[in-house]
Amino acid sequence: MIVVKAYRKGAELLVAAADECLLGKTFKSDGLTITVSESFYKGECCDEEGLVNRLQMATMANLVGEETVGIAVKHGIVDGGCIILIGGVPHAQMVRMI
C-alpha cells in the first residue's frame, strides 16, 4: 500500500508519497539521508490508480519506495533515469512547469 499526503500553497500542489512499509525509517548512503517521516508522508492510503490521479494534478512530488516510484515511472510521471537510491531505496522528485 502507498501513503499519500497533499500540500497546497496557492497554485502549487505538492504530493508526498511513499511505500507504507517505509514510514518512520531513515536511509543513508553516499552522504545522503532521507527520513520517511509520518508527519510529512502519512495521509491517505491509496492504490496505483489513486496515486496516479494525485500525481497528475501535482505541480511537485516527493516519492519514496520501490512501489511508489515504480508507478510514477510506469505512467511516465518520472523519468526512470532520474531516480536515486538512498540506502537502496528509490527516491524521486518531480516538478511540473505550468
Protein backbone atom coordinates (compact mmCIF):
# COMPACT_ATOMS: atom_id res chain seq x y z
CA MET A 1 0.00 0.00 0.00
CA ILE A 2 1.05 3.59 -0.62
CA VAL A 3 0.54 6.58 1.67
CA VAL A 4 -0.08 9.98 0.10
CA LYS A 5 -0.31 13.44 1.58
CA ALA A 6 -1.00 16.63 -0.37
CA TYR A 7 0.12 20.17 0.42
CA ARG A 8 -1.37 23.19 -1.36
CA LYS A 9 0.19 26.65 -1.44
CA GLY A 10 -1.55 28.98 -3.89
CA ALA A 11 -1.49 27.35 -7.32
CA GLU A 12 1.14 24.80 -6.28
CA LEU A 13 0.25 21.26 -5.19
CA LEU A 14 2.96 19.12 -3.63
CA VAL A 15 2.23 15.40 -3.38
CA ALA A 16 4.33 13.41 -0.92
CA ALA A 17 4.00 9.64 -1.38
CA ALA A 18 5.83 6.61 -0.02
CA ASP A 19 5.53 2.88 0.35
CA GLU A 20 3.68 2.46 3.65
CA CYS A 21 6.24 -0.05 4.96
CA LEU A 22 8.93 2.68 4.89
CA LEU A 23 7.17 5.08 7.27
CA GLY A 24 9.31 6.07 10.24
CA LYS A 25 12.53 4.74 8.74
CA THR A 26 15.74 6.57 7.81
CA PHE A 27 18.01 5.57 4.95
CA LYS A 28 21.59 6.70 4.29
CA SER A 29 24.24 6.31 1.62
CA ASP A 30 26.97 8.35 -0.09
CA GLY A 31 26.40 11.38 2.13
CA LEU A 32 22.64 11.38 1.50
CA THR A 33 19.99 10.77 4.15
CA ILE A 34 16.22 10.53 3.84
CA THR A 35 13.77 10.08 6.67
CA VAL A 36 10.34 8.87 5.64
CA SER A 37 8.57 10.73 8.41
CA GLU A 38 4.93 10.07 9.20
CA SER A 39 4.32 13.79 9.67
CA PHE A 40 5.32 14.51 6.04
CA TYR A 41 4.20 11.41 4.13
CA LYS A 42 1.36 9.80 6.08
CA GLY A 43 -2.03 10.84 4.77
CA GLU A 44 -4.42 8.66 2.84
CA CYS A 45 -3.68 5.08 1.82
CA CYS A 46 -4.18 4.51 -1.88
CA ASP A 47 -3.60 2.09 -4.71
CA GLU A 48 -1.91 2.65 -8.08
CA GLU A 49 -4.90 4.44 -9.59
CA GLY A 50 -5.21 6.78 -6.61
CA LEU A 51 -1.52 7.68 -6.72
CA VAL A 52 -1.57 8.35 -10.46
CA ASN A 53 -4.66 10.57 -10.13
CA ARG A 54 -2.98 12.65 -7.45
CA LEU A 55 0.32 12.87 -9.32
CA GLN A 56 -1.44 14.05 -12.49
CA MET A 57 -2.74 17.06 -10.53
CA ALA A 58 0.55 17.77 -8.76
CA THR A 59 2.97 20.54 -9.66
CA MET A 60 5.61 18.91 -7.42
CA ALA A 61 6.08 15.45 -5.95
CA ASN A 62 8.40 13.78 -3.47
CA LEU A 63 8.33 9.99 -3.90
CA VAL A 64 9.99 7.20 -1.92
CA GLY A 65 9.95 3.43 -2.31
CA GLU A 66 10.01 0.76 -4.98
CA GLU A 67 6.24 0.58 -5.44
CA THR A 68 5.63 4.33 -5.34
CA VAL A 69 8.50 5.34 -7.62
CA GLY A 70 7.83 2.35 -9.91
CA ILE A 71 4.25 3.50 -10.50
CA ALA A 72 5.41 7.05 -11.30
CA VAL A 73 7.90 5.68 -13.85
CA LYS A 74 5.36 3.25 -15.34
CA HIS A 75 2.94 6.12 -16.02
CA GLY A 76 5.57 8.50 -17.42
CA ILE A 77 5.40 10.92 -14.50
CA VAL A 78 9.05 10.38 -13.56
CA ASP A 79 11.92 9.53 -15.91
CA GLY A 80 13.49 6.23 -14.85
CA GLY A 81 16.94 7.75 -15.40
CA CYS A 82 16.30 10.40 -12.74
CA ILE A 83 15.85 8.10 -9.76
CA ILE A 84 18.42 7.99 -6.99
CA LEU A 85 18.93 5.24 -4.44
CA ILE A 86 19.41 6.22 -0.82
CA GLY A 87 20.29 3.23 1.31
CA GLY A 88 19.00 1.03 -1.52
CA VAL A 89 15.58 2.75 -1.54
CA PRO A 90 14.41 4.56 -4.72
CA HIS A 91 13.72 8.27 -4.37
CA ALA A 92 12.48 10.70 -7.00
CA GLN A 93 11.25 14.25 -7.14
CA MET A 94 9.09 15.78 -9.83
CA VAL A 95 8.41 19.39 -10.76
CA ARG A 96 5.91 20.31 -13.45
CA MET A 97 6.26 23.74 -15.02
CA ILE A 98 2.91 25.28 -15.86
